[in-house]
Amino acid sequence: MPCTYDLEIAATTYFHALEEGDIPLVLLFSGTVFTGDGSGFTVHPVSWKAETPCAVPVVVWREMMDRFFPNCGWIRLHRDTLLALGAYKNARAIPTWEQAITDLLAGAVVRDPS
């Protein structure tokens, strides 16, 4: 499960859209498990076919996002867009990326979609 707030990742967009209930997941396992015994340890392979269904309550996902990304979201920008935004920010001595975007939005003309 992605622990990101990138709204361009399909799973995160889906999780963000849910208001309540559970997020259905299938956990896939593979690798090696090391267990200790009295004289050392034992190695057990985990089949790549090992899986289990589980459900994560939406409230748990939202609490995790609030803990690691408090009051935030994230968007991916094309490098050219990021460079242009950085030039705008630097030319005006704007201290933060958020303030640069807020300034741009304040000057934007909002068009009625109808």
PDB file of N, CA and C in Angstrom:
ATOM      1  N   MET A   1       0.852  -1.164   0.000  1.00  0.00           N
ATOM      2  CA  MET A   1       0.000   0.000   0.000  1.00  0.00           C
ATOM      3  C   MET A   1       0.899   1.229   0.000  1.00  0.00           C
ATOM      4  N   PRO A   2       0.659   2.160  -0.904  1.00  0.00           N
ATOM      5  CA  PRO A   2       1.506   3.350  -0.921  1.00  0.00           C
ATOM      6  C   PRO A   2       1.257   4.219   0.299  1.00  0.00           C
ATOM      7  N   CYS A   3       2.319   4.631   0.932  1.00  0.00           N
ATOM      8  CA  CYS A   3       2.206   5.562   2.056  1.00  0.00           C
ATOM      9  C   CYS A   3       2.635   6.928   1.548  1.00  0.00           C
ATOM     10  N   THR A   4       1.869   7.452   0.638  1.00  0.00           N
ATOM     11  CA  THR A   4       2.176   8.712  -0.010  1.00  0.00           C
ATOM     12  C   THR A   4       0.882   9.489  -0.154  1.00  0.00           C
ATOM     13  N   TYR A   5       1.024  10.767  -0.398  1.00  0.00           N
ATOM     14  CA  TYR A   5      -0.159  11.567  -0.643  1.00  0.00           C
ATOM     15  C   TYR A   5      -0.130  12.110  -2.062  1.00  0.00           C
ATOM     16  N   ASP A   6       0.575  11.417  -2.953  1.00  0.00           N
ATOM     17  CA  ASP A   6       0.640  11.780  -4.359  1.00  0.00           C
ATOM     18  C   ASP A   6      -0.698  11.432  -4.995  1.00  0.00           C
ATOM     19  N   LEU A   7      -1.512  12.447  -5.294  1.00  0.00           N
ATOM     20  CA  LEU A   7      -2.849  12.195  -5.815  1.00  0.00           C
ATOM     21  C   LEU A   7      -2.853  11.745  -7.262  1.00  0.00           C
ATOM     22  N   GLU A   8      -1.677  11.616  -7.893  1.00  0.00           N
ATOM     23  CA  GLU A   8      -1.620  11.060  -9.232  1.00  0.00           C
ATOM     24  C   GLU A   8      -1.396   9.551  -9.208  1.00  0.00           C
ATOM     25  N   ILE A   9      -1.160   8.986  -8.057  1.00  0.00           N
ATOM     26  CA  ILE A   9      -1.064   7.535  -7.920  1.00  0.00           C
ATOM     27  C   ILE A   9      -2.484   7.016  -7.733  1.00  0.00           C
ATOM     28  N   ALA A  10      -2.895   6.099  -8.573  1.00  0.00           N
ATOM     29  CA  ALA A  10      -4.287   5.653  -8.598  1.00  0.00           C
ATOM     30  C   ALA A  10      -4.783   5.176  -7.231  1.00  0.00           C
ATOM     31  N   ALA A  11      -3.979   4.394  -6.536  1.00  0.00           N
ATOM     32  CA  ALA A  11      -4.423   3.881  -5.232  1.00  0.00           C
ATOM     33  C   ALA A  11      -4.660   5.013  -4.241  1.00  0.00           C
ATOM     34  N   THR A  12      -3.772   5.996  -4.218  1.00  0.00           N
ATOM     35  CA  THR A  12      -3.922   7.120  -3.299  1.00  0.00           C
ATOM     36  C   THR A  12      -5.160   7.937  -3.654  1.00  0.00           C
ATOM     37  N   THR A  13      -5.401   8.127  -4.945  1.00  0.00           N
ATOM     38  CA  THR A  13      -6.602   8.851  -5.378  1.00  0.00           C
ATOM     39  C   THR A  13      -7.850   8.113  -4.909  1.00  0.00           C
ATOM     40  N   TYR A  14      -7.849   6.800  -5.047  1.00  0.00           N
ATOM     41  CA  TYR A  14      -8.973   5.972  -4.588  1.00  0.00           C
ATOM     42  C   TYR A  14      -9.157   6.097  -3.072  1.00  0.00           C
ATOM     43  N   PHE A  15      -8.067   5.941  -2.323  1.00  0.00           N
ATOM     44  CA  PHE A  15      -8.145   6.034  -0.863  1.00  0.00           C
ATOM     45  C   PHE A  15      -8.680   7.405  -0.439  1.00  0.00           C
ATOM     46  N   HIS A  16      -8.178   8.452  -1.076  1.00  0.00           N
ATOM     47  CA  HIS A  16      -8.577   9.823  -0.748  1.00  0.00           C
ATOM     48  C   HIS A  16     -10.070  10.040  -0.998  1.00  0.00           C
ATOM     49  N   ALA A  17     -10.609   9.377  -2.014  1.00  0.00           N
ATOM     50  CA  ALA A  17     -12.022   9.546  -2.367  1.00  0.00           C
ATOM     51  C   ALA A  17     -12.965   8.847  -1.389  1.00  0.00           C
ATOM     52  N   LEU A  18     -12.471   7.855  -0.678  1.00  0.00           N
ATOM     53  CA  LEU A  18     -13.325   7.125   0.267  1.00  0.00           C
ATOM     54  C   LEU A  18     -13.599   7.978   1.503  1.00  0.00           C
ATOM     55  N   GLU A  19     -14.838   7.988   1.927  1.00  0.00           N
ATOM     56  CA  GLU A  19     -15.196   8.767   3.117  1.00  0.00           C
ATOM     57  C   GLU A  19     -15.303   7.909   4.362  1.00  0.00           C
ATOM     58  N   GLU A  20     -15.598   6.633   4.210  1.00  0.00           N
ATOM     59  CA  GLU A  20     -15.736   5.737   5.359  1.00  0.00           C
ATOM     60  C   GLU A  20     -15.581   4.308   4.883  1.00  0.00           C
ATOM     61  N   GLY A  21     -15.683   3.375   5.817  1.00  0.00           N
ATOM     62  CA  GLY A  21     -15.578   1.961   5.469  1.00  0.00           C
ATOM     63  C   GLY A  21     -14.154   1.466   5.489  1.00  0.00           C
ATOM     64  N   ASP A  22     -13.906   0.425   4.704  1.00  0.00           N
ATOM     65  CA  ASP A  22     -12.607  -0.226   4.674  1.00  0.00           C
ATOM     66  C   ASP A  22     -11.998  -0.167   3.280  1.00  0.00           C
ATOM     67  N   ILE A  23     -10.671  -0.170   3.250  1.00  0.00           N
ATOM     68  CA  ILE A  23      -9.924  -0.257   2.004  1.00  0.00           C
ATOM     69  C   ILE A  23      -9.545  -1.728   1.842  1.00  0.00           C
ATOM     70  N   PRO A  24     -10.074  -2.394   0.807  1.00  0.00           N
ATOM     71  CA  PRO A  24      -9.742  -3.814   0.633  1.00  0.00           C
ATOM     72  C   PRO A  24      -8.341  -3.969   0.027  1.00  0.00           C
ATOM     73  N   LEU A  25      -7.539  -4.782   0.667  1.00  0.00           N
ATOM     74  CA  LEU A  25      -6.167  -5.022   0.197  1.00  0.00           C
ATOM     75  C   LEU A  25      -5.885  -6.514   0.147  1.00  0.00           C
ATOM     76  N   VAL A  26      -4.946  -6.885  -0.696  1.00  0.00           N
ATOM     77  CA  VAL A  26      -4.380  -8.224  -0.678  1.00  0.00           C
ATOM     78  C   VAL A  26      -2.887  -8.029  -0.447  1.00  0.00           C
ATOM     79  N   LEU A  27      -2.391  -8.545   0.667  1.00  0.00           N
ATOM     80  CA  LEU A  27      -0.969  -8.427   0.988  1.00  0.00           C
ATOM     81  C   LEU A  27      -0.235  -9.608   0.373  1.00  0.00           C
ATOM     82  N   LEU A  28       0.803  -9.307  -0.397  1.00  0.00           N
ATOM     83  CA  LEU A  28       1.604 -10.335  -1.059  1.00  0.00           C
ATOM     84  C   LEU A  28       2.943 -10.453  -0.346  1.00  0.00           C
ATOM     85  N   PHE A  29       3.361 -11.670  -0.102  1.00  0.00           N
ATOM     86  CA  PHE A  29       4.598 -11.904   0.637  1.00  0.00           C
ATOM     87  C   PHE A  29       5.563 -12.720  -0.199  1.00  0.00           C
ATOM     88  N   SER A  30       6.840 -12.513   0.016  1.00  0.00           N
ATOM     89  CA  SER A  30       7.888 -13.370  -0.528  1.00  0.00           C
ATOM     90  C   SER A  30       9.165 -13.045   0.225  1.00  0.00           C
ATOM     91  N   GLY A  31      10.118 -13.940   0.153  1.00  0.00           N
ATOM     92  CA  GLY A  31      11.383 -13.674   0.816  1.00  0.00           C
ATOM     93  C   GLY A  31      11.791 -14.788   1.741  1.00  0.00           C
ATOM     94  N   THR A  32      12.385 -14.416   2.853  1.00  0.00           N
ATOM     95  CA  THR A  32      12.935 -15.372   3.796  1.00  0.00           C
ATOM     96  C   THR A  32      12.574 -14.961   5.219  1.00  0.00           C
ATOM     97  N   VAL A  33      12.236 -15.959   6.033  1.00  0.00           N
ATOM     98  CA  VAL A  33      11.980 -15.728   7.445  1.00  0.00           C
ATOM     99  C   VAL A  33      13.077 -16.427   8.237  1.00  0.00           C
ATOM    100  N   PHE A  34      13.691 -15.690   9.158  1.00  0.00           N
ATOM    101  CA  PHE A  34      14.720 -16.251  10.028  1.00  0.00           C
ATOM    102  C   PHE A  34      14.113 -16.422  11.409  1.00  0.00           C
ATOM    103  N   THR A  35      14.169 -17.623  11.942  1.00  0.00           N
ATOM    104  CA  THR A  35      13.648 -17.874  13.282  1.00  0.00           C
ATOM    105  C   THR A  35      14.775 -18.403  14.167  1.00  0.00           C
ATOM    106  N   GLY A  36      14.730 -18.012  15.418  1.00  0.00           N
ATOM    107  CA  GLY A  36      15.753 -18.452  16.356  1.00  0.00           C
ATOM    108  C   GLY A  36      15.373 -19.764  17.007  1.00  0.00           C
ATOM    109  N   ASP A  37      16.332 -20.620  17.196  1.00  0.00           N
ATOM    110  CA  ASP A  37      16.125 -21.808  18.017  1.00  0.00           C
ATOM    111  C   ASP A  37      17.219 -21.812  19.079  1.00  0.00           C
ATOM    112  N   GLY A  38      17.244 -22.780  19.911  1.00  0.00           N
ATOM    113  CA  GLY A  38      18.170 -22.785  21.032  1.00  0.00           C
ATOM    114  C   GLY A  38      19.636 -22.677  20.661  1.00  0.00           C
ATOM    115  N   SER A  39      20.024 -23.160  19.484  1.00  0.00           N
ATOM    116  CA  SER A  39      21.437 -23.184  19.143  1.00  0.00           C
ATOM    117  C   SER A  39      21.809 -22.261  17.977  1.00  0.00           C
ATOM    118  N   GLY A  40      20.917 -21.444  17.542  1.00  0.00           N
ATOM    119  CA  GLY A  40      21.216 -20.559  16.416  1.00  0.00           C
ATOM    120  C   GLY A  40      19.936 -20.068  15.777  1.00  0.00           C
ATOM    121  N   PHE A  41      19.858 -20.208  14.456  1.00  0.00           N
ATOM    122  CA  PHE A  41      18.654 -19.784  13.763  1.00  0.00           C
ATOM    123  C   PHE A  41      18.358 -20.726  12.610  1.00  0.00           C
ATOM    124  N   THR A  42      17.124 -20.665  12.163  1.00  0.00           N
ATOM    125  CA  THR A  42      16.665 -21.478  11.044  1.00  0.00           C
ATOM    126  C   THR A  42      16.147 -20.549   9.964  1.00  0.00           C
ATOM    127  N   VAL A  43      16.364 -20.921   8.718  1.00  0.00           N
ATOM    128  CA  VAL A  43      15.929 -20.124   7.571  1.00  0.00           C
ATOM    129  C   VAL A  43      14.747 -20.826   6.906  1.00  0.00           C
ATOM    130  N   HIS A  44      13.680 -20.069   6.669  1.00  0.00           N
ATOM    131  CA  HIS A  44      12.490 -20.603   6.012  1.00  0.00           C
ATOM    132  C   HIS A  44      12.141 -19.724   4.814  1.00  0.00           C
ATOM    133  N   PRO A  45      12.072 -20.301   3.616  1.00  0.00           N
ATOM    134  CA  PRO A  45      11.658 -19.491   2.465  1.00  0.00           C
ATOM    135  C   PRO A  45      10.152 -19.214   2.519  1.00  0.00           C
ATOM    136  N   VAL A  46       9.767 -18.043   2.040  1.00  0.00           N
ATOM    137  CA  VAL A  46       8.353 -17.684   1.932  1.00  0.00           C
ATOM    138  C   VAL A  46       8.026 -17.693   0.441  1.00  0.00           C
ATOM    139  N   SER A  47       7.070 -18.500   0.071  1.00  0.00           N
ATOM    140  CA  SER A  47       6.694 -18.626  -1.332  1.00  0.00           C
ATOM    141  C   SER A  47       6.170 -17.309  -1.875  1.00  0.00           C
ATOM    142  N   TRP A  48       6.474 -17.020  -3.138  1.00  0.00           N
ATOM    143  CA  TRP A  48       5.966 -15.814  -3.774  1.00  0.00           C
ATOM    144  C   TRP A  48       4.452 -15.895  -3.947  1.00  0.00           C
ATOM    145  N   LYS A  49       3.882 -17.071  -3.721  1.00  0.00           N
ATOM    146  CA  LYS A  49       2.427 -17.247  -3.811  1.00  0.00           C
ATOM    147  C   LYS A  49       1.725 -16.924  -2.490  1.00  0.00           C
ATOM    148  N   ALA A  50       2.486 -16.633  -1.437  1.00  0.00           N
ATOM    149  CA  ALA A  50       1.888 -16.370  -0.128  1.00  0.00           C
ATOM    150  C   ALA A  50       1.183 -15.019  -0.142  1.00  0.00           C
ATOM    151  N   GLU A  51      -0.094 -15.023   0.233  1.00  0.00           N
ATOM    152  CA  GLU A  51      -0.871 -13.778   0.265  1.00  0.00           C
ATOM    153  C   GLU A  51      -1.982 -13.906   1.286  1.00  0.00           C
ATOM    154  N   THR A  52      -2.516 -12.771   1.681  1.00  0.00           N
ATOM    155  CA  THR A  52      -3.653 -12.763   2.591  1.00  0.00           C
ATOM    156  C   THR A  52      -4.472 -11.499   2.346  1.00  0.00           C
ATOM    157  N   PRO A  53      -5.781 -11.632   2.360  1.00  0.00           N
ATOM    158  CA  PRO A  53      -6.614 -10.432   2.228  1.00  0.00           C
ATOM    159  C   PRO A  53      -6.684  -9.709   3.569  1.00  0.00           C
ATOM    160  N   CYS A  54      -6.852  -8.421   3.515  1.00  0.00           N
ATOM    161  CA  CYS A  54      -7.063  -7.655   4.744  1.00  0.00           C
ATOM    162  C   CYS A  54      -7.825  -6.389   4.382  1.00  0.00           C
ATOM    163  N   ALA A  55      -8.346  -5.752   5.393  1.00  0.00           N
ATOM    164  CA  ALA A  55      -9.088  -4.506   5.191  1.00  0.00           C
ATOM    165  C   ALA A  55      -8.505  -3.461   6.131  1.00  0.00           C
ATOM    166  N   VAL A  56      -8.172  -2.311   5.586  1.00  0.00           N
ATOM    167  CA  VAL A  56      -7.669  -1.195   6.392  1.00  0.00           C
ATOM    168  C   VAL A  56      -8.787  -0.172   6.491  1.00  0.00           C
ATOM    169  N   PRO A  57      -9.228   0.146   7.696  1.00  0.00           N
ATOM    170  CA  PRO A  57     -10.269   1.163   7.822  1.00  0.00           C
ATOM    171  C   PRO A  57      -9.803   2.494   7.222  1.00  0.00           C
ATOM    172  N   VAL A  58     -10.686   3.150   6.497  1.00  0.00           N
ATOM    173  CA  VAL A  58     -10.362   4.440   5.885  1.00  0.00           C
ATOM    174  C   VAL A  58      -9.859   5.408   6.949  1.00  0.00           C
ATOM    175  N   VAL A  59     -10.448   5.370   8.128  1.00  0.00           N
ATOM    176  CA  VAL A  59     -10.033   6.284   9.195  1.00  0.00           C
ATOM    177  C   VAL A  59      -8.567   6.063   9.573  1.00  0.00           C
ATOM    178  N   VAL A  60      -8.088   4.828   9.508  1.00  0.00           N
ATOM    179  CA  VAL A  60      -6.684   4.529   9.823  1.00  0.00           C
ATOM    180  C   VAL A  60      -5.776   5.133   8.754  1.00  0.00           C
ATOM    181  N   TRP A  61      -6.151   4.991   7.466  1.00  0.00           N
ATOM    182  CA  TRP A  61      -5.353   5.580   6.393  1.00  0.00           C
ATOM    183  C   TRP A  61      -5.312   7.095   6.546  1.00  0.00           C
ATOM    184  N   ARG A  62      -6.463   7.718   6.835  1.00  0.00           N
ATOM    185  CA  ARG A  62      -6.500   9.175   6.998  1.00  0.00           C
ATOM    186  C   ARG A  62      -5.643   9.622   8.193  1.00  0.00           C
ATOM    187  N   GLU A  63      -5.676   8.866   9.287  1.00  0.00           N
ATOM    188  CA  GLU A  63      -4.849   9.201  10.451  1.00  0.00           C
ATOM    189  C   GLU A  63      -3.364   9.103  10.101  1.00  0.00           C
ATOM    190  N   MET A  64      -2.998   8.103   9.303  1.00  0.00           N
ATOM    191  CA  MET A  64      -1.597   7.963   8.890  1.00  0.00           C
ATOM    192  C   MET A  64      -1.180   9.151   8.023  1.00  0.00           C
ATOM    193  N   MET A  65      -2.030   9.540   7.074  1.00  0.00           N
ATOM    194  CA  MET A  65      -1.717  10.684   6.215  1.00  0.00           C
ATOM    195  C   MET A  65      -1.600  11.962   7.049  1.00  0.00           C
ATOM    196  N   ASP A  66      -2.502  12.129   8.022  1.00  0.00           N
ATOM    197  CA  ASP A  66      -2.448  13.314   8.885  1.00  0.00           C
ATOM    198  C   ASP A  66      -1.192  13.321   9.752  1.00  0.00           C
ATOM    199  N   ARG A  67      -0.728  12.133  10.123  1.00  0.00           N
ATOM    200  CA  ARG A  67       0.483  12.054  10.951  1.00  0.00           C
ATOM    201  C   ARG A  67       1.734  12.397  10.143  1.00  0.00           C
ATOM    202  N   PHE A  68       1.844  11.829   8.936  1.00  0.00           N
ATOM    203  CA  PHE A  68       3.055  12.011   8.144  1.00  0.00           C
ATOM    204  C   PHE A  68       2.990  13.182   7.173  1.00  0.00           C
ATOM    205  N   PHE A  69       1.797  13.620   6.813  1.00  0.00           N
ATOM    206  CA  PHE A  69       1.603  14.751   5.911  1.00  0.00           C
ATOM    207  C   PHE A  69       0.530  15.663   6.493  1.00  0.00           C
ATOM    208  N   PRO A  70       0.754  16.247   7.675  1.00  0.00           N
ATOM    209  CA  PRO A  70      -0.299  17.026   8.341  1.00  0.00           C
ATOM    210  C   PRO A  70      -0.764  18.204   7.482  1.00  0.00           C
ATOM    211  N   ASN A  71      -2.067  18.238   7.253  1.00  0.00           N
ATOM    212  CA  ASN A  71      -2.712  19.332   6.521  1.00  0.00           C
ATOM    213  C   ASN A  71      -2.052  19.576   5.157  1.00  0.00           C
ATOM    214  N   CYS A  72      -1.616  18.494   4.504  1.00  0.00           N
ATOM    215  CA  CYS A  72      -0.892  18.623   3.236  1.00  0.00           C
ATOM    216  C   CYS A  72      -1.445  17.680   2.185  1.00  0.00           C
ATOM    217  N   GLY A  73      -1.061  17.949   0.979  1.00  0.00           N
ATOM    218  CA  GLY A  73      -1.280  17.088  -0.169  1.00  0.00           C
ATOM    219  C   GLY A  73      -0.031  17.167  -1.019  1.00  0.00           C
ATOM    220  N   TRP A  74      -0.021  16.477  -2.139  1.00  0.00           N
ATOM    221  CA  TRP A  74       1.179  16.458  -2.963  1.00  0.00           C
ATOM    222  C   TRP A  74       0.765  16.302  -4.409  1.00  0.00           C
ATOM    223  N   ILE A  75       1.389  17.054  -5.288  1.00  0.00           N
ATOM    224  CA  ILE A  75       1.166  16.882  -6.712  1.00  0.00           C
ATOM    225  C   ILE A  75       2.515  16.792  -7.412  1.00  0.00           C
ATOM    226  N   ARG A  76       2.541  16.045  -8.501  1.00  0.00           N
ATOM    227  CA  ARG A  76       3.755  15.912  -9.298  1.00  0.00           C
ATOM    228  C   ARG A  76       3.686  16.935 -10.421  1.00  0.00           C
ATOM    229  N   LEU A  77       4.778  17.639 -10.644  1.00  0.00           N
ATOM    230  CA  LEU A  77       4.840  18.632 -11.711  1.00  0.00           C
ATOM    231  C   LEU A  77       5.924  18.253 -12.707  1.00  0.00           C
ATOM    232  N   HIS A  78       5.687  18.556 -13.968  1.00  0.00           N
ATOM    233  CA  HIS A  78       6.694  18.366 -15.005  1.00  0.00           C
ATOM    234  C   HIS A  78       7.891  19.257 -14.672  1.00  0.00           C
ATOM    235  N   ARG A  79       9.068  18.814 -15.004  1.00  0.00           N
ATOM    236  CA  ARG A  79      10.290  19.558 -14.664  1.00  0.00           C
ATOM    237  C   ARG A  79      10.246  20.993 -15.186  1.00  0.00           C
ATOM    238  N   ASP A  80       9.767  21.199 -16.425  1.00  0.00           N
ATOM    239  CA  ASP A  80       9.690  22.555 -16.988  1.00  0.00           C
ATOM    240  C   ASP A  80       8.746  23.445 -16.178  1.00  0.00           C
ATOM    241  N   THR A  81       7.637  22.865 -15.718  1.00  0.00           N
ATOM    242  CA  THR A  81       6.689  23.624 -14.887  1.00  0.00           C
ATOM    243  C   THR A  81       7.329  23.991 -13.558  1.00  0.00           C
ATOM    244  N   LEU A  82       8.056  23.047 -12.965  1.00  0.00           N
ATOM    245  CA  LEU A  82       8.729  23.302 -11.698  1.00  0.00           C
ATOM    246  C   LEU A  82       9.802  24.379 -11.845  1.00  0.00           C
ATOM    247  N   LEU A  83      10.545  24.336 -12.952  1.00  0.00           N
ATOM    248  CA  LEU A  83      11.558  25.371 -13.202  1.00  0.00           C
ATOM    249  C   LEU A  83      10.913  26.745 -13.373  1.00  0.00           C
ATOM    250  N   ALA A  84       9.800  26.806 -14.104  1.00  0.00           N
ATOM    251  CA  ALA A  84       9.098  28.086 -14.304  1.00  0.00           C
ATOM    252  C   ALA A  84       8.545  28.603 -12.981  1.00  0.00           C
ATOM    253  N   LEU A  85       8.004  27.708 -12.171  1.00  0.00           N
ATOM    254  CA  LEU A  85       7.490  28.121 -10.863  1.00  0.00           C
ATOM    255  C   LEU A  85       8.639  28.605  -9.981  1.00  0.00           C
ATOM    256  N   GLY A  86       9.778  27.920 -10.024  1.00  0.00           N
ATOM    257  CA  GLY A  86      10.943  28.344  -9.258  1.00  0.00           C
ATOM    258  C   GLY A  86      11.446  29.711  -9.691  1.00  0.00           C
ATOM    259  N   ALA A  87      11.447  29.964 -11.005  1.00  0.00           N
ATOM    260  CA  ALA A  87      11.859  31.281 -11.509  1.00  0.00           C
ATOM    261  C   ALA A  87      10.905  32.369 -11.025  1.00  0.00           C
ATOM    262  N   TYR A  88       9.616  32.091 -11.062  1.00  0.00           N
ATOM    263  CA  TYR A  88       8.602  33.037 -10.566  1.00  0.00           C
ATOM    264  C   TYR A  88       8.842  33.330  -9.077  1.00  0.00           C
ATOM    265  N   LYS A  89       9.044  32.258  -8.317  1.00  0.00           N
ATOM    266  CA  LYS A  89       9.265  32.365  -6.864  1.00  0.00           C
ATOM    267  C   LYS A  89      10.518  33.183  -6.563  1.00  0.00           C
ATOM    268  N   ASN A  90      11.616  32.880  -7.247  1.00  0.00           N
ATOM    269  CA  ASN A  90      12.881  33.571  -7.000  1.00  0.00           C
ATOM    270  C   ASN A  90      12.851  35.032  -7.439  1.00  0.00           C
ATOM    271  N   ALA A  91      12.231  35.321  -8.569  1.00  0.00           N
ATOM    272  CA  ALA A  91      12.176  36.693  -9.080  1.00  0.00           C
ATOM    273  C   ALA A  91      11.408  37.618  -8.142  1.00  0.00           C
ATOM    274  N   ARG A  92      10.487  37.052  -7.390  1.00  0.00           N
ATOM    275  CA  ARG A  92       9.678  37.853  -6.475  1.00  0.00           C
ATOM    276  C   ARG A  92      10.089  37.686  -5.012  1.00  0.00           C
ATOM    277  N   ALA A  93      11.178  36.950  -4.788  1.00  0.00           N
ATOM    278  CA  ALA A  93      11.685  36.667  -3.433  1.00  0.00           C
ATOM    279  C   ALA A  93      10.588  36.084  -2.545  1.00  0.00           C
ATOM    280  N   ILE A  94       9.818  35.173  -3.117  1.00  0.00           N
ATOM    281  CA  ILE A  94       8.750  34.495  -2.359  1.00  0.00           C
ATOM    282  C   ILE A  94       9.411  33.377  -1.552  1.00  0.00           C
ATOM    283  N   PRO A  95       9.169  33.322  -0.253  1.00  0.00           N
ATOM    284  CA  PRO A  95       9.904  32.379   0.598  1.00  0.00           C
ATOM    285  C   PRO A  95       9.516  30.908   0.453  1.00  0.00           C
ATOM    286  N   THR A  96       8.280  30.613   0.056  1.00  0.00           N
ATOM    287  CA  THR A  96       7.862  29.207   0.003  1.00  0.00           C
ATOM    288  C   THR A  96       7.182  28.888  -1.328  1.00  0.00           C
ATOM    289  N   TRP A  97       7.205  27.611  -1.675  1.00  0.00           N
ATOM    290  CA  TRP A  97       6.515  27.149  -2.877  1.00  0.00           C
ATOM    291  C   TRP A  97       5.016  27.378  -2.744  1.00  0.00           C
ATOM    292  N   GLU A  98       4.490  27.122  -1.567  1.00  0.00           N
ATOM    293  CA  GLU A  98       3.055  27.296  -1.349  1.00  0.00           C
ATOM    294  C   GLU A  98       2.642  28.746  -1.571  1.00  0.00           C
ATOM    295  N   GLN A  99       3.443  29.687  -1.079  1.00  0.00           N
ATOM    296  CA  GLN A  99       3.114  31.099  -1.267  1.00  0.00           C
ATOM    297  C   GLN A  99       3.175  31.482  -2.745  1.00  0.00           C
ATOM    298  N   ALA A 100       4.115  30.909  -3.494  1.00  0.00           N
ATOM    299  CA  ALA A 100       4.200  31.195  -4.934  1.00  0.00           C
ATOM    300  C   ALA A 100       2.928  30.724  -5.639  1.00  0.00           C
ATOM    301  N   ILE A 101       2.466  29.549  -5.320  1.00  0.00           N
ATOM    302  CA  ILE A 101       1.239  29.035  -5.936  1.00  0.00           C
ATOM    303  C   ILE A 101       0.035  29.840  -5.486  1.00  0.00           C
ATOM    304  N   THR A 102      -0.019  30.200  -4.204  1.00  0.00           N
ATOM    305  CA  THR A 102      -1.119  31.020  -3.685  1.00  0.00           C
ATOM    306  C   THR A 102      -1.166  32.363  -4.406  1.00  0.00           C
ATOM    307  N   ASP A 103      -0.002  32.977  -4.624  1.00  0.00           N
ATOM    308  CA  ASP A 103       0.058  34.246  -5.357  1.00  0.00           C
ATOM    309  C   ASP A 103      -0.457  34.081  -6.783  1.00  0.00           C
ATOM    310  N   LEU A 104      -0.038  33.015  -7.446  1.00  0.00           N
ATOM    311  CA  LEU A 104      -0.502  32.772  -8.809  1.00  0.00           C
ATOM    312  C   LEU A 104      -2.012  32.543  -8.855  1.00  0.00           C
ATOM    313  N   LEU A 105      -2.514  31.794  -7.904  1.00  0.00           N
ATOM    314  CA  LEU A 105      -3.963  31.541  -7.865  1.00  0.00           C
ATOM    315  C   LEU A 105      -4.755  32.809  -7.583  1.00  0.00           C
ATOM    316  N   ALA A 106      -4.210  33.686  -6.750  1.00  0.00           N
ATOM    317  CA  ALA A 106      -4.904  34.940  -6.434  1.00  0.00           C
ATOM    318  C   ALA A 106      -5.073  35.798  -7.681  1.00  0.00           C
ATOM    319  N   GLY A 107      -4.149  35.700  -8.623  1.00  0.00           N
ATOM    320  CA  GLY A 107      -4.232  36.485  -9.844  1.00  0.00           C
ATOM    321  C   GLY A 107      -4.934  35.759 -10.987  1.00  0.00           C
ATOM    322  N   ALA A 108      -5.336  34.513 -10.764  1.00  0.00           N
ATOM    323  CA  ALA A 108      -5.960  33.733 -11.820  1.00  0.00           C
ATOM    324  C   ALA A 108      -7.404  34.146 -12.022  1.00  0.00           C
ATOM    325  N   VAL A 109      -7.843  34.063 -13.253  1.00  0.00           N
ATOM    326  CA  VAL A 109      -9.237  34.311 -13.583  1.00  0.00           C
ATOM    327  C   VAL A 109      -9.959  32.981 -13.518  1.00  0.00           C
ATOM    328  N   VAL A 110     -10.976  32.919 -12.678  1.00  0.00           N
ATOM    329  CA  VAL A 110     -11.755  31.690 -12.553  1.00  0.00           C
ATOM    330  C   VAL A 110     -12.874  31.731 -13.580  1.00  0.00           C
ATOM    331  N   ARG A 111     -12.914  30.713 -14.435  1.00  0.00           N
ATOM    332  CA  ARG A 111     -13.931  30.653 -15.485  1.00  0.00           C
ATOM    333  C   ARG A 111     -15.058  29.742 -15.043  1.00  0.00           C
ATOM    334  N   ASP A 112     -16.275  30.146 -15.327  1.00  0.00           N
ATOM    335  CA  ASP A 112     -17.451  29.324 -15.055  1.00  0.00           C
ATOM    336  C   ASP A 112     -17.459  28.166 -16.050  1.00  0.00           C
ATOM    337  N   PRO A 113     -17.473  26.902 -15.569  1.00  0.00           N
ATOM    338  CA  PRO A 113     -17.410  25.763 -16.487  1.00  0.00           C
ATOM    339  C   PRO A 113     -18.667  25.571 -17.334  1.00  0.00           C
ATOM    340  N   SER A 114     -19.742  26.290 -17.048  1.00  0.00           N
ATOM    341  CA  SER A 114     -20.985  26.079 -17.813  1.00  0.00           C
ATOM    342  C   SER A 114     -21.036  26.871 -19.090  1.00  0.00           C
TER     343      SER A 114
END
